[in-house]
Structures are given as structure tokens and as C-alpha cells.
Amino acid sequence: MRKAINALQSSAAIEREIEKETIYDMAASVRPDEMRKILDSALGGSFDKARDQLSLLIEKGTFSEEIIKVIHRIIFDLDITNDKKVRLIDRLGETEFRITEGADERIQLDALLAYIALME
């Protein structure tokens, strides 16, 4: 709750009218539509494009935990088979575990994108 209030206060300090995009930017949060584009690129086999898009999010200060949470929320809306969804959720859990155990966040997120790009 405190994070939400801080994001609103920061957004109000910058702009008189608070826009959804401003709040996402202030909270260093991932917009689901941005993450969807990244996943669509990876699912289409465009690893380099997906990685470049992910790099932009990370450069804006987005935390890996936030990226993982957003991916988890939108997996169920992806136009892929249930088998792929199950495998993706399993790999997402493994990625989150490795990051929390101290593995390099960037390497783990790149590995996740590589896995998605190679999914058949």
C-alpha cells in the first residue's frame, strides 16, 4: 500500500494529471503490454529482439522480481498450448529460485528468454 501511495505522490509532483504510464514509470514497474511484446518476440523465435526489449526495461530500473511477477500474470493469456504454459511456469519458478539464491539476474532472465525462444 505504501508503494502505491509513494508512486501516486511522485506522479502528482511531476504532472498535474496522473496517467497510468507515469505511475508505471515512477514505480519502475513493467507494463503488461510491454512484457507481452517481449514474450511474443521470444515465442516467435526472435531472441535478440526480446533481449533488447528486456534490456530497455532493466535500464529503466525495473527489478527482476517485478519482471517475473508480470510474466507469471500474463502467461495464462498467451496463445500457446497448456503444455507450453506448464513448462513456462516451471521454468519461471526455477528462474525466480535461482535469482533469490544469488544467481546473476541478467543471466537468469536471458536464459529464460532463450528457453522461451527455443520452445516447440
PDB file of N, CA and C in Angstrom:
ATOM      1  N   MET A   1       0.827  -1.181   0.000  1.00  0.00           N
ATOM      2  CA  MET A   1       0.000   0.000   0.000  1.00  0.00           C
ATOM      3  C   MET A   1       0.877   1.253   0.000  1.00  0.00           C
ATOM      4  N   ARG A   2       1.935   1.211   0.792  1.00  0.00           N
ATOM      5  CA  ARG A   2       2.832   2.363   0.877  1.00  0.00           C
ATOM      6  C   ARG A   2       3.485   2.640  -0.472  1.00  0.00           C
ATOM      7  N   LYS A   3       3.858   1.589  -1.195  1.00  0.00           N
ATOM      8  CA  LYS A   3       4.456   1.759  -2.520  1.00  0.00           C
ATOM      9  C   LYS A   3       3.499   2.465  -3.460  1.00  0.00           C
ATOM     10  N   ALA A   4       2.225   2.100  -3.389  1.00  0.00           N
ATOM     11  CA  ALA A   4       1.217   2.704  -4.260  1.00  0.00           C
ATOM     12  C   ALA A   4       1.056   4.186  -3.946  1.00  0.00           C
ATOM     13  N   ILE A   5       1.024   4.517  -2.675  1.00  0.00           N
ATOM     14  CA  ILE A   5       0.882   5.919  -2.275  1.00  0.00           C
ATOM     15  C   ILE A   5       2.105   6.721  -2.703  1.00  0.00           C
ATOM     16  N   ASN A   6       3.289   6.157  -2.525  1.00  0.00           N
ATOM     17  CA  ASN A   6       4.512   6.839  -2.960  1.00  0.00           C
ATOM     18  C   ASN A   6       4.508   7.085  -4.461  1.00  0.00           C
ATOM     19  N   ALA A   7       4.082   6.093  -5.238  1.00  0.00           N
ATOM     20  CA  ALA A   7       4.030   6.242  -6.694  1.00  0.00           C
ATOM     21  C   ALA A   7       3.046   7.337  -7.085  1.00  0.00           C
ATOM     22  N   LEU A   8       1.899   7.375  -6.430  1.00  0.00           N
ATOM     23  CA  LEU A   8       0.908   8.416  -6.717  1.00  0.00           C
ATOM     24  C   LEU A   8       1.431   9.798  -6.346  1.00  0.00           C
ATOM     25  N   GLN A   9       2.059   9.924  -5.202  1.00  0.00           N
ATOM     26  CA  GLN A   9       2.599  11.213  -4.781  1.00  0.00           C
ATOM     27  C   GLN A   9       3.696  11.685  -5.731  1.00  0.00           C
ATOM     28  N   SER A  10       4.573  10.792  -6.132  1.00  0.00           N
ATOM     29  CA  SER A  10       5.640  11.149  -7.061  1.00  0.00           C
ATOM     30  C   SER A  10       5.078  11.551  -8.409  1.00  0.00           C
ATOM     31  N   SER A  11       4.078  10.833  -8.881  1.00  0.00           N
ATOM     32  CA  SER A  11       3.449  11.143 -10.166  1.00  0.00           C
ATOM     33  C   SER A  11       2.766  12.500 -10.114  1.00  0.00           C
ATOM     34  N   ALA A  12       2.095  12.788  -9.014  1.00  0.00           N
ATOM     35  CA  ALA A  12       1.396  14.067  -8.860  1.00  0.00           C
ATOM     36  C   ALA A  12       2.383  15.227  -8.802  1.00  0.00           C
ATOM     37  N   ALA A  13       3.566  14.989  -8.275  1.00  0.00           N
ATOM     38  CA  ALA A  13       4.575  16.039  -8.205  1.00  0.00           C
ATOM     39  C   ALA A  13       5.125  16.382  -9.581  1.00  0.00           C
ATOM     40  N   ILE A  14       5.099  15.420 -10.482  1.00  0.00           N
ATOM     41  CA  ILE A  14       5.638  15.631 -11.822  1.00  0.00           C
ATOM     42  C   ILE A  14       4.586  16.200 -12.770  1.00  0.00           C
ATOM     43  N   GLU A  15       3.401  15.650 -12.738  1.00  0.00           N
ATOM     44  CA  GLU A  15       2.335  16.055 -13.656  1.00  0.00           C
ATOM     45  C   GLU A  15       1.062  16.339 -12.877  1.00  0.00           C
ATOM     46  N   ARG A  16       0.347  17.350 -13.358  1.00  0.00           N
ATOM     47  CA  ARG A  16      -0.912  17.707 -12.702  1.00  0.00           C
ATOM     48  C   ARG A  16      -1.930  16.583 -12.846  1.00  0.00           C
ATOM     49  N   GLU A  17      -2.001  16.024 -14.043  1.00  0.00           N
ATOM     50  CA  GLU A  17      -2.921  14.921 -14.305  1.00  0.00           C
ATOM     51  C   GLU A  17      -2.135  13.617 -14.261  1.00  0.00           C
ATOM     52  N   ILE A  18      -2.572  12.704 -13.432  1.00  0.00           N
ATOM     53  CA  ILE A  18      -1.849  11.440 -13.253  1.00  0.00           C
ATOM     54  C   ILE A  18      -2.291  10.443 -14.322  1.00  0.00           C
ATOM     55  N   GLU A  19      -1.317   9.974 -15.100  1.00  0.00           N
ATOM     56  CA  GLU A  19      -1.558   8.990 -16.151  1.00  0.00           C
ATOM     57  C   GLU A  19      -1.034   7.632 -15.692  1.00  0.00           C
ATOM     58  N   LYS A  20      -1.631   6.592 -16.237  1.00  0.00           N
ATOM     59  CA  LYS A  20      -1.206   5.232 -15.902  1.00  0.00           C
ATOM     60  C   LYS A  20       0.279   5.020 -16.212  1.00  0.00           C
ATOM     61  N   GLU A  21       0.738   5.543 -17.357  1.00  0.00           N
ATOM     62  CA  GLU A  21       2.129   5.367 -17.759  1.00  0.00           C
ATOM     63  C   GLU A  21       3.085   6.026 -16.772  1.00  0.00           C
ATOM     64  N   THR A  22       2.680   7.202 -16.251  1.00  0.00           N
ATOM     65  CA  THR A  22       3.523   7.904 -15.289  1.00  0.00           C
ATOM     66  C   THR A  22       3.694   7.080 -14.023  1.00  0.00           C
ATOM     67  N   ILE A  23       2.620   6.467 -13.578  1.00  0.00           N
ATOM     68  CA  ILE A  23       2.689   5.643 -12.366  1.00  0.00           C
ATOM     69  C   ILE A  23       3.595   4.442 -12.589  1.00  0.00           C
ATOM     70  N   TYR A  24       3.459   3.781 -13.754  1.00  0.00           N
ATOM     71  CA  TYR A  24       4.342   2.647 -14.052  1.00  0.00           C
ATOM     72  C   TYR A  24       5.805   3.096 -14.037  1.00  0.00           C
ATOM     73  N   ASP A  25       6.075   4.272 -14.655  1.00  0.00           N
ATOM     74  CA  ASP A  25       7.446   4.768 -14.707  1.00  0.00           C
ATOM     75  C   ASP A  25       7.978   5.104 -13.319  1.00  0.00           C
ATOM     76  N   MET A  26       7.164   5.764 -12.500  1.00  0.00           N
ATOM     77  CA  MET A  26       7.598   6.151 -11.158  1.00  0.00           C
ATOM     78  C   MET A  26       7.847   4.923 -10.275  1.00  0.00           C
ATOM     79  N   ALA A  27       7.064   3.905 -10.464  1.00  0.00           N
ATOM     80  CA  ALA A  27       7.205   2.700  -9.645  1.00  0.00           C
ATOM     81  C   ALA A  27       8.236   1.734 -10.220  1.00  0.00           C
ATOM     82  N   ALA A  28       8.869   2.124 -11.344  1.00  0.00           N
ATOM     83  CA  ALA A  28       9.795   1.232 -12.055  1.00  0.00           C
ATOM     84  C   ALA A  28       9.131  -0.116 -12.269  1.00  0.00           C
ATOM     85  N   SER A  29       7.885  -0.049 -12.680  1.00  0.00           N
ATOM     86  CA  SER A  29       7.082  -1.253 -12.859  1.00  0.00           C
ATOM     87  C   SER A  29       6.942  -1.573 -14.343  1.00  0.00           C
ATOM     88  N   VAL A  30       6.704  -2.826 -14.629  1.00  0.00           N
ATOM     89  CA  VAL A  30       6.559  -3.287 -16.007  1.00  0.00           C
ATOM     90  C   VAL A  30       5.098  -3.195 -16.417  1.00  0.00           C
ATOM     91  N   ARG A  31       4.859  -2.536 -17.537  1.00  0.00           N
ATOM     92  CA  ARG A  31       3.504  -2.528 -18.078  1.00  0.00           C
ATOM     93  C   ARG A  31       3.267  -3.890 -18.720  1.00  0.00           C
ATOM     94  N   PRO A  32       2.135  -4.501 -18.435  1.00  0.00           N
ATOM     95  CA  PRO A  32       1.863  -5.827 -19.006  1.00  0.00           C
ATOM     96  C   PRO A  32       1.979  -5.860 -20.530  1.00  0.00           C
ATOM     97  N   ASP A  33       1.577  -4.780 -21.210  1.00  0.00           N
ATOM     98  CA  ASP A  33       1.670  -4.770 -22.673  1.00  0.00           C
ATOM     99  C   ASP A  33       3.128  -4.776 -23.138  1.00  0.00           C
ATOM    100  N   GLU A  34       4.025  -4.145 -22.381  1.00  0.00           N
ATOM    101  CA  GLU A  34       5.453  -4.190 -22.712  1.00  0.00           C
ATOM    102  C   GLU A  34       5.992  -5.612 -22.570  1.00  0.00           C
ATOM    103  N   MET A  35       5.634  -6.248 -21.463  1.00  0.00           N
ATOM    104  CA  MET A  35       6.111  -7.610 -21.233  1.00  0.00           C
ATOM    105  C   MET A  35       5.530  -8.563 -22.261  1.00  0.00           C
ATOM    106  N   ARG A  36       4.299  -8.327 -22.658  1.00  0.00           N
ATOM    107  CA  ARG A  36       3.655  -9.173 -23.666  1.00  0.00           C
ATOM    108  C   ARG A  36       4.419  -9.101 -24.987  1.00  0.00           C
ATOM    109  N   LYS A  37       4.871  -7.905 -25.363  1.00  0.00           N
ATOM    110  CA  LYS A  37       5.653  -7.747 -26.598  1.00  0.00           C
ATOM    111  C   LYS A  37       6.964  -8.526 -26.511  1.00  0.00           C
ATOM    112  N   ILE A  38       7.588  -8.474 -25.350  1.00  0.00           N
ATOM    113  CA  ILE A  38       8.845  -9.202 -25.158  1.00  0.00           C
ATOM    114  C   ILE A  38       8.608 -10.703 -25.286  1.00  0.00           C
ATOM    115  N   LEU A  39       7.562 -11.191 -24.633  1.00  0.00           N
ATOM    116  CA  LEU A  39       7.254 -12.623 -24.708  1.00  0.00           C
ATOM    117  C   LEU A  39       6.859 -13.036 -26.118  1.00  0.00           C
ATOM    118  N   ASP A  40       6.090 -12.197 -26.805  1.00  0.00           N
ATOM    119  CA  ASP A  40       5.707 -12.509 -28.184  1.00  0.00           C
ATOM    120  C   ASP A  40       6.935 -12.601 -29.085  1.00  0.00           C
ATOM    121  N   SER A  41       7.896 -11.702 -28.879  1.00  0.00           N
ATOM    122  CA  SER A  41       9.138 -11.767 -29.659  1.00  0.00           C
ATOM    123  C   SER A  41       9.876 -13.068 -29.383  1.00  0.00           C
ATOM    124  N   ALA A  42       9.996 -13.414 -28.111  1.00  0.00           N
ATOM    125  CA  ALA A  42      10.699 -14.648 -27.748  1.00  0.00           C
ATOM    126  C   ALA A  42       9.967 -15.872 -28.280  1.00  0.00           C
ATOM    127  N   LEU A  43       8.640 -15.892 -28.125  1.00  0.00           N
ATOM    128  CA  LEU A  43       7.859 -17.035 -28.620  1.00  0.00           C
ATOM    129  C   LEU A  43       7.947 -17.170 -30.130  1.00  0.00           C
ATOM    130  N   GLY A  44       8.162 -16.044 -30.806  1.00  0.00           N
ATOM    131  CA  GLY A  44       8.322 -16.065 -32.258  1.00  0.00           C
ATOM    132  C   GLY A  44       9.731 -16.437 -32.689  1.00  0.00           C
ATOM    133  N   GLY A  45      10.592 -16.714 -31.725  1.00  0.00           N
ATOM    134  CA  GLY A  45      11.958 -17.119 -32.046  1.00  0.00           C
ATOM    135  C   GLY A  45      12.928 -15.958 -32.180  1.00  0.00           C
ATOM    136  N   SER A  46      12.481 -14.735 -31.903  1.00  0.00           N
ATOM    137  CA  SER A  46      13.342 -13.550 -32.027  1.00  0.00           C
ATOM    138  C   SER A  46      14.018 -13.241 -30.693  1.00  0.00           C
ATOM    139  N   PHE A  47      14.971 -14.074 -30.330  1.00  0.00           N
ATOM    140  CA  PHE A  47      15.657 -13.913 -29.049  1.00  0.00           C
ATOM    141  C   PHE A  47      16.328 -12.554 -28.929  1.00  0.00           C
ATOM    142  N   ASP A  48      17.047 -12.133 -29.981  1.00  0.00           N
ATOM    143  CA  ASP A  48      17.769 -10.858 -29.918  1.00  0.00           C
ATOM    144  C   ASP A  48      16.823  -9.684 -29.697  1.00  0.00           C
ATOM    145  N   LYS A  49      15.703  -9.694 -30.388  1.00  0.00           N
ATOM    146  CA  LYS A  49      14.721  -8.615 -30.234  1.00  0.00           C
ATOM    147  C   LYS A  49      14.151  -8.617 -28.815  1.00  0.00           C
ATOM    148  N   ALA A  50      13.804  -9.791 -28.308  1.00  0.00           N
ATOM    149  CA  ALA A  50      13.259  -9.903 -26.955  1.00  0.00           C
ATOM    150  C   ALA A  50      14.290  -9.436 -25.928  1.00  0.00           C
ATOM    151  N   ARG A  51      15.529  -9.802 -26.125  1.00  0.00           N
ATOM    152  CA  ARG A  51      16.602  -9.417 -25.195  1.00  0.00           C
ATOM    153  C   ARG A  51      16.819  -7.912 -25.215  1.00  0.00           C
ATOM    154  N   ASP A  52      16.777  -7.307 -26.396  1.00  0.00           N
ATOM    155  CA  ASP A  52      16.926  -5.852 -26.493  1.00  0.00           C
ATOM    156  C   ASP A  52      15.782  -5.134 -25.779  1.00  0.00           C
ATOM    157  N   GLN A  53      14.565  -5.641 -25.953  1.00  0.00           N
ATOM    158  CA  GLN A  53      13.410  -5.042 -25.283  1.00  0.00           C
ATOM    159  C   GLN A  53      13.532  -5.188 -23.766  1.00  0.00           C
ATOM    160  N   LEU A  54      13.988  -6.339 -23.317  1.00  0.00           N
ATOM    161  CA  LEU A  54      14.183  -6.563 -21.888  1.00  0.00           C
ATOM    162  C   LEU A  54      15.267  -5.639 -21.335  1.00  0.00           C
ATOM    163  N   SER A  55      16.312  -5.421 -22.108  1.00  0.00           N
ATOM    164  CA  SER A  55      17.394  -4.525 -21.682  1.00  0.00           C
ATOM    165  C   SER A  55      16.874  -3.123 -21.401  1.00  0.00           C
ATOM    166  N   LEU A  56      15.953  -2.656 -22.233  1.00  0.00           N
ATOM    167  CA  LEU A  56      15.372  -1.328 -22.018  1.00  0.00           C
ATOM    168  C   LEU A  56      14.638  -1.254 -20.685  1.00  0.00           C
ATOM    169  N   LEU A  57      13.903  -2.310 -20.349  1.00  0.00           N
ATOM    170  CA  LEU A  57      13.200  -2.336 -19.063  1.00  0.00           C
ATOM    171  C   LEU A  57      14.181  -2.300 -17.894  1.00  0.00           C
ATOM    172  N   ILE A  58      15.231  -3.074 -18.009  1.00  0.00           N
ATOM    173  CA  ILE A  58      16.219  -3.146 -16.931  1.00  0.00           C
ATOM    174  C   ILE A  58      16.942  -1.806 -16.779  1.00  0.00           C
ATOM    175  N   GLU A  59      17.243  -1.153 -17.909  1.00  0.00           N
ATOM    176  CA  GLU A  59      17.904   0.151 -17.864  1.00  0.00           C
ATOM    177  C   GLU A  59      17.024   1.204 -17.198  1.00  0.00           C
ATOM    178  N   LYS A  60      15.705   1.037 -17.273  1.00  0.00           N
ATOM    179  CA  LYS A  60      14.786   1.966 -16.608  1.00  0.00           C
ATOM    180  C   LYS A  60      14.708   1.698 -15.107  1.00  0.00           C
ATOM    181  N   GLY A  61      15.364   0.649 -14.644  1.00  0.00           N
ATOM    182  CA  GLY A  61      15.401   0.358 -13.217  1.00  0.00           C
ATOM    183  C   GLY A  61      14.415  -0.692 -12.752  1.00  0.00           C
ATOM    184  N   THR A  62      13.851  -1.448 -13.688  1.00  0.00           N
ATOM    185  CA  THR A  62      12.890  -2.479 -13.316  1.00  0.00           C
ATOM    186  C   THR A  62      13.612  -3.654 -12.666  1.00  0.00           C
ATOM    187  N   PHE A  63      13.091  -4.104 -11.547  1.00  0.00           N
ATOM    188  CA  PHE A  63      13.683  -5.225 -10.826  1.00  0.00           C
ATOM    189  C   PHE A  63      13.267  -6.554 -11.452  1.00  0.00           C
ATOM    190  N   SER A  64      14.153  -7.535 -11.350  1.00  0.00           N
ATOM    191  CA  SER A  64      13.866  -8.853 -11.922  1.00  0.00           C
ATOM    192  C   SER A  64      12.629  -9.474 -11.289  1.00  0.00           C
ATOM    193  N   GLU A  65      12.424  -9.243  -9.997  1.00  0.00           N
ATOM    194  CA  GLU A  65      11.247  -9.797  -9.317  1.00  0.00           C
ATOM    195  C   GLU A  65       9.961  -9.283  -9.949  1.00  0.00           C
ATOM    196  N   GLU A  66       9.958  -8.002 -10.305  1.00  0.00           N
ATOM    197  CA  GLU A  66       8.782  -7.399 -10.940  1.00  0.00           C
ATOM    198  C   GLU A  66       8.557  -8.010 -12.322  1.00  0.00           C
ATOM    199  N   ILE A  67       9.621  -8.207 -13.067  1.00  0.00           N
ATOM    200  CA  ILE A  67       9.524  -8.808 -14.398  1.00  0.00           C
ATOM    201  C   ILE A  67       8.933 -10.208 -14.286  1.00  0.00           C
ATOM    202  N   ILE A  68       9.414 -10.984 -13.345  1.00  0.00           N
ATOM    203  CA  ILE A  68       8.923 -12.353 -13.156  1.00  0.00           C
ATOM    204  C   ILE A  68       7.453 -12.360 -12.767  1.00  0.00           C
ATOM    205  N   LYS A  69       7.055 -11.462 -11.876  1.00  0.00           N
ATOM    206  CA  LYS A  69       5.646 -11.394 -11.464  1.00  0.00           C
ATOM    207  C   LYS A  69       4.732 -11.055 -12.633  1.00  0.00           C
ATOM    208  N   VAL A  70       5.156 -10.122 -13.468  1.00  0.00           N
ATOM    209  CA  VAL A  70       4.326  -9.736 -14.617  1.00  0.00           C
ATOM    210  C   VAL A  70       4.253 -10.876 -15.627  1.00  0.00           C
ATOM    211  N   ILE A  71       5.365 -11.548 -15.868  1.00  0.00           N
ATOM    212  CA  ILE A  71       5.338 -12.704 -16.772  1.00  0.00           C
ATOM    213  C   ILE A  71       4.349 -13.736 -16.248  1.00  0.00           C
ATOM    214  N   HIS A  72       4.406 -14.010 -14.952  1.00  0.00           N
ATOM    215  CA  HIS A  72       3.501 -15.005 -14.374  1.00  0.00           C
ATOM    216  C   HIS A  72       2.039 -14.613 -14.582  1.00  0.00           C
ATOM    217  N   ARG A  73       1.727 -13.332 -14.411  1.00  0.00           N
ATOM    218  CA  ARG A  73       0.338 -12.885 -14.576  1.00  0.00           C
ATOM    219  C   ARG A  73      -0.164 -13.038 -16.004  1.00  0.00           C
ATOM    220  N   ILE A  74       0.718 -12.842 -16.987  1.00  0.00           N
ATOM    221  CA  ILE A  74       0.223 -12.859 -18.369  1.00  0.00           C
ATOM    222  C   ILE A  74       0.394 -14.201 -19.074  1.00  0.00           C
ATOM    223  N   ILE A  75       1.089 -15.140 -18.470  1.00  0.00           N
ATOM    224  CA  ILE A  75       1.270 -16.455 -19.102  1.00  0.00           C
ATOM    225  C   ILE A  75      -0.065 -17.057 -19.519  1.00  0.00           C
ATOM    226  N   PHE A  76      -1.051 -16.926 -18.662  1.00  0.00           N
ATOM    227  CA  PHE A  76      -2.334 -17.584 -18.905  1.00  0.00           C
ATOM    228  C   PHE A  76      -3.097 -16.980 -20.077  1.00  0.00           C
ATOM    229  N   ASP A  77      -2.714 -15.773 -20.487  1.00  0.00           N
ATOM    230  CA  ASP A  77      -3.363 -15.126 -21.627  1.00  0.00           C
ATOM    231  C   ASP A  77      -2.616 -15.353 -22.936  1.00  0.00           C
ATOM    232  N   LEU A  78      -1.471 -15.994 -22.878  1.00  0.00           N
ATOM    233  CA  LEU A  78      -0.690 -16.233 -24.090  1.00  0.00           C
ATOM    234  C   LEU A  78      -1.380 -17.264 -24.971  1.00  0.00           C
ATOM    235  N   ASP A  79      -1.208 -17.091 -26.262  1.00  0.00           N
ATOM    236  CA  ASP A  79      -1.812 -18.004 -27.228  1.00  0.00           C
ATOM    237  C   ASP A  79      -0.854 -19.169 -27.491  1.00  0.00           C
ATOM    238  N   ILE A  80      -0.659 -19.977 -26.448  1.00  0.00           N
ATOM    239  CA  ILE A  80       0.188 -21.164 -26.549  1.00  0.00           C
ATOM    240  C   ILE A  80      -0.559 -22.320 -25.887  1.00  0.00           C
ATOM    241  N   THR A  81      -0.099 -23.528 -26.153  1.00  0.00           N
ATOM    242  CA  THR A  81      -0.771 -24.704 -25.596  1.00  0.00           C
ATOM    243  C   THR A  81      -0.610 -24.745 -24.075  1.00  0.00           C
ATOM    244  N   ASN A  82      -1.489 -25.496 -23.438  1.00  0.00           N
ATOM    245  CA  ASN A  82      -1.386 -25.661 -21.984  1.00  0.00           C
ATOM    246  C   ASN A  82      -0.066 -26.313 -21.589  1.00  0.00           C
ATOM    247  N   ASP A  83       0.412 -27.241 -22.410  1.00  0.00           N
ATOM    248  CA  ASP A  83       1.694 -27.884 -22.141  1.00  0.00           C
ATOM    249  C   ASP A  83       2.815 -26.845 -22.089  1.00  0.00           C
ATOM    250  N   LYS A  84       2.822 -25.908 -23.034  1.00  0.00           N
ATOM    251  CA  LYS A  84       3.843 -24.857 -23.040  1.00  0.00           C
ATOM    252  C   LYS A  84       3.688 -23.932 -21.840  1.00  0.00           C
ATOM    253  N   LYS A  85       2.447 -23.651 -21.469  1.00  0.00           N
ATOM    254  CA  LYS A  85       2.219 -22.803 -20.292  1.00  0.00           C
ATOM    255  C   LYS A  85       2.782 -23.463 -19.042  1.00  0.00           C
ATOM    256  N   VAL A  86       2.552 -24.764 -18.915  1.00  0.00           N
ATOM    257  CA  VAL A  86       3.059 -25.505 -17.754  1.00  0.00           C
ATOM    258  C   VAL A  86       4.585 -25.480 -17.737  1.00  0.00           C
ATOM    259  N   ARG A  87       5.205 -25.736 -18.885  1.00  0.00           N
ATOM    260  CA  ARG A  87       6.667 -25.725 -18.949  1.00  0.00           C
ATOM    261  C   ARG A  87       7.227 -24.333 -18.660  1.00  0.00           C
ATOM    262  N   LEU A  88       6.531 -23.313 -19.150  1.00  0.00           N
ATOM    263  CA  LEU A  88       6.973 -21.944 -18.926  1.00  0.00           C
ATOM    264  C   LEU A  88       6.859 -21.549 -17.450  1.00  0.00           C
ATOM    265  N   ILE A  89       5.775 -21.942 -16.808  1.00  0.00           N
ATOM    266  CA  ILE A  89       5.613 -21.653 -15.377  1.00  0.00           C
ATOM    267  C   ILE A  89       6.691 -22.374 -14.566  1.00  0.00           C
ATOM    268  N   ASP A  90       6.974 -23.614 -14.927  1.00  0.00           N
ATOM    269  CA  ASP A  90       8.020 -24.367 -14.243  1.00  0.00           C
ATOM    270  C   ASP A  90       9.369 -23.663 -14.388  1.00  0.00           C
ATOM    271  N   ARG A  91       9.691 -23.229 -15.590  1.00  0.00           N
ATOM    272  CA  ARG A  91      10.967 -22.544 -15.828  1.00  0.00           C
ATOM    273  C   ARG A  91      11.000 -21.182 -15.134  1.00  0.00           C
ATOM    274  N   LEU A  92       9.872 -20.515 -15.093  1.00  0.00           N
ATOM    275  CA  LEU A  92       9.780 -19.227 -14.409  1.00  0.00           C
ATOM    276  C   LEU A  92      10.065 -19.395 -12.912  1.00  0.00           C
ATOM    277  N   GLY A  93       9.505 -20.448 -12.328  1.00  0.00           N
ATOM    278  CA  GLY A  93       9.769 -20.742 -10.920  1.00  0.00           C
ATOM    279  C   GLY A  93      11.236 -21.031 -10.668  1.00  0.00           C
ATOM    280  N   GLU A  94      11.840 -21.772 -11.567  1.00  0.00           N
ATOM    281  CA  GLU A  94      13.268 -22.080 -11.451  1.00  0.00           C
ATOM    282  C   GLU A  94      14.100 -20.798 -11.550  1.00  0.00           C
ATOM    283  N   THR A  95      13.716 -19.921 -12.465  1.00  0.00           N
ATOM    284  CA  THR A  95      14.424 -18.647 -12.631  1.00  0.00           C
ATOM    285  C   THR A  95      14.330 -17.807 -11.362  1.00  0.00           C
ATOM    286  N   GLU A  96      13.126 -17.706 -10.821  1.00  0.00           N
ATOM    287  CA  GLU A  96      12.939 -16.929  -9.595  1.00  0.00           C
ATOM    288  C   GLU A  96      13.767 -17.518  -8.448  1.00  0.00           C
ATOM    289  N   PHE A  97      13.747 -18.836  -8.324  1.00  0.00           N
ATOM    290  CA  PHE A  97      14.511 -19.501  -7.261  1.00  0.00           C
ATOM    291  C   PHE A  97      15.998 -19.190  -7.378  1.00  0.00           C
ATOM    292  N   ARG A  98      16.526 -19.303  -8.577  1.00  0.00           N
ATOM    293  CA  ARG A  98      17.960 -19.065  -8.777  1.00  0.00           C
ATOM    294  C   ARG A  98      18.337 -17.623  -8.440  1.00  0.00           C
ATOM    295  N   ILE A  99      17.468 -16.691  -8.828  1.00  0.00           N
ATOM    296  CA  ILE A  99      17.745 -15.282  -8.525  1.00  0.00           C
ATOM    297  C   ILE A  99      17.738 -15.048  -7.020  1.00  0.00           C
ATOM    298  N   THR A 100      16.752 -15.619  -6.330  1.00  0.00           N
ATOM    299  CA  THR A 100      16.690 -15.418  -4.874  1.00  0.00           C
ATOM    300  C   THR A 100      17.855 -16.093  -4.155  1.00  0.00           C
ATOM    301  N   GLU A 101      18.439 -17.104  -4.779  1.00  0.00           N
ATOM    302  CA  GLU A 101      19.600 -17.780  -4.201  1.00  0.00           C
ATOM    303  C   GLU A 101      20.905 -17.061  -4.525  1.00  0.00           C
ATOM    304  N   GLY A 102      20.824 -15.970  -5.297  1.00  0.00           N
ATOM    305  CA  GLY A 102      22.012 -15.169  -5.549  1.00  0.00           C
ATOM    306  C   GLY A 102      22.586 -15.236  -6.947  1.00  0.00           C
ATOM    307  N   ALA A 103      21.937 -15.951  -7.853  1.00  0.00           N
ATOM    308  CA  ALA A 103      22.435 -16.022  -9.226  1.00  0.00           C
ATOM    309  C   ALA A 103      22.292 -14.655  -9.901  1.00  0.00           C
ATOM    310  N   ASP A 104      23.091 -14.410 -10.905  1.00  0.00           N
ATOM    311  CA  ASP A 104      23.046 -13.149 -11.634  1.00  0.00           C
ATOM    312  C   ASP A 104      21.686 -12.975 -12.312  1.00  0.00           C
ATOM    313  N   GLU A 105      21.011 -11.885 -12.000  1.00  0.00           N
ATOM    314  CA  GLU A 105      19.657 -11.651 -12.512  1.00  0.00           C
ATOM    315  C   GLU A 105      19.619 -11.594 -14.029  1.00  0.00           C
ATOM    316  N   ARG A 106      20.576 -10.884 -14.607  1.00  0.00           N
ATOM    317  CA  ARG A 106      20.569 -10.701 -16.057  1.00  0.00           C
ATOM    318  C   ARG A 106      20.778 -12.027 -16.788  1.00  0.00           C
ATOM    319  N   ILE A 107      21.691 -12.818 -16.301  1.00  0.00           N
ATOM    320  CA  ILE A 107      21.947 -14.117 -16.926  1.00  0.00           C
ATOM    321  C   ILE A 107      20.701 -14.994 -16.826  1.00  0.00           C
ATOM    322  N   GLN A 108      20.049 -14.985 -15.684  1.00  0.00           N
ATOM    323  CA  GLN A 108      18.853 -15.812 -15.494  1.00  0.00           C
ATOM    324  C   GLN A 108      17.706 -15.354 -16.393  1.00  0.00           C
ATOM    325  N   LEU A 109      17.505 -14.043 -16.519  1.00  0.00           N
ATOM    326  CA  LEU A 109      16.430 -13.547 -17.387  1.00  0.00           C
ATOM    327  C   LEU A 109      16.740 -13.829 -18.855  1.00  0.00           C
ATOM    328  N   ASP A 110      18.014 -13.692 -19.242  1.00  0.00           N
ATOM    329  CA  ASP A 110      18.400 -14.037 -20.615  1.00  0.00           C
ATOM    330  C   ASP A 110      18.186 -15.527 -20.876  1.00  0.00           C
ATOM    331  N   ALA A 111      18.525 -16.358 -19.895  1.00  0.00           N
ATOM    332  CA  ALA A 111      18.319 -17.802 -20.044  1.00  0.00           C
ATOM    333  C   ALA A 111      16.833 -18.123 -20.184  1.00  0.00           C
ATOM    334  N   LEU A 112      15.993 -17.411 -19.444  1.00  0.00           N
ATOM    335  CA  LEU A 112      14.548 -17.613 -19.559  1.00  0.00           C
ATOM    336  C   LEU A 112      14.063 -17.251 -20.958  1.00  0.00           C
ATOM    337  N   LEU A 113      14.523 -16.120 -21.484  1.00  0.00           N
ATOM    338  CA  LEU A 113      14.139 -15.732 -22.848  1.00  0.00           C
ATOM    339  C   LEU A 113      14.640 -16.746 -23.870  1.00  0.00           C
ATOM    340  N   ALA A 114      15.848 -17.250 -23.674  1.00  0.00           N
ATOM    341  CA  ALA A 114      16.390 -18.265 -24.587  1.00  0.00           C
ATOM    342  C   ALA A 114      15.528 -19.519 -24.557  1.00  0.00           C
ATOM    343  N   TYR A 115      15.121 -19.931 -23.369  1.00  0.00           N
ATOM    344  CA  TYR A 115      14.257 -21.104 -23.233  1.00  0.00           C
ATOM    345  C   TYR A 115      12.946 -20.885 -23.980  1.00  0.00           C
ATOM    346  N   ILE A 116      12.356 -19.707 -23.809  1.00  0.00           N
ATOM    347  CA  ILE A 116      11.085 -19.399 -24.479  1.00  0.00           C
ATOM    348  C   ILE A 116      11.271 -19.397 -25.989  1.00  0.00           C
ATOM    349  N   ALA A 117      12.376 -18.805 -26.455  1.00  0.00           N
ATOM    350  CA  ALA A 117      12.630 -18.734 -27.898  1.00  0.00           C
ATOM    351  C   ALA A 117      12.812 -20.117 -28.512  1.00  0.00           C
ATOM    352  N   LEU A 118      13.293 -21.073 -27.729  1.00  0.00           N
ATOM    353  CA  LEU A 118      13.525 -22.431 -28.234  1.00  0.00           C
ATOM    354  C   LEU A 118      12.349 -23.380 -28.008  1.00  0.00           C
ATOM    355  N   MET A 119      11.312 -22.909 -27.301  1.00  0.00           N
ATOM    356  CA  MET A 119      10.162 -23.789 -27.024  1.00  0.00           C
ATOM    357  C   MET A 119       9.491 -24.220 -28.322  1.00  0.00           C
ATOM    358  N   GLU A 120       9.146 -25.480 -28.379  1.00  0.00           N
ATOM    359  CA  GLU A 120       8.439 -26.000 -29.557  1.00  0.00           C
ATOM    360  C   GLU A 120       7.097 -26.536 -29.159  1.00  0.00           C
TER     361      GLU A 120
END
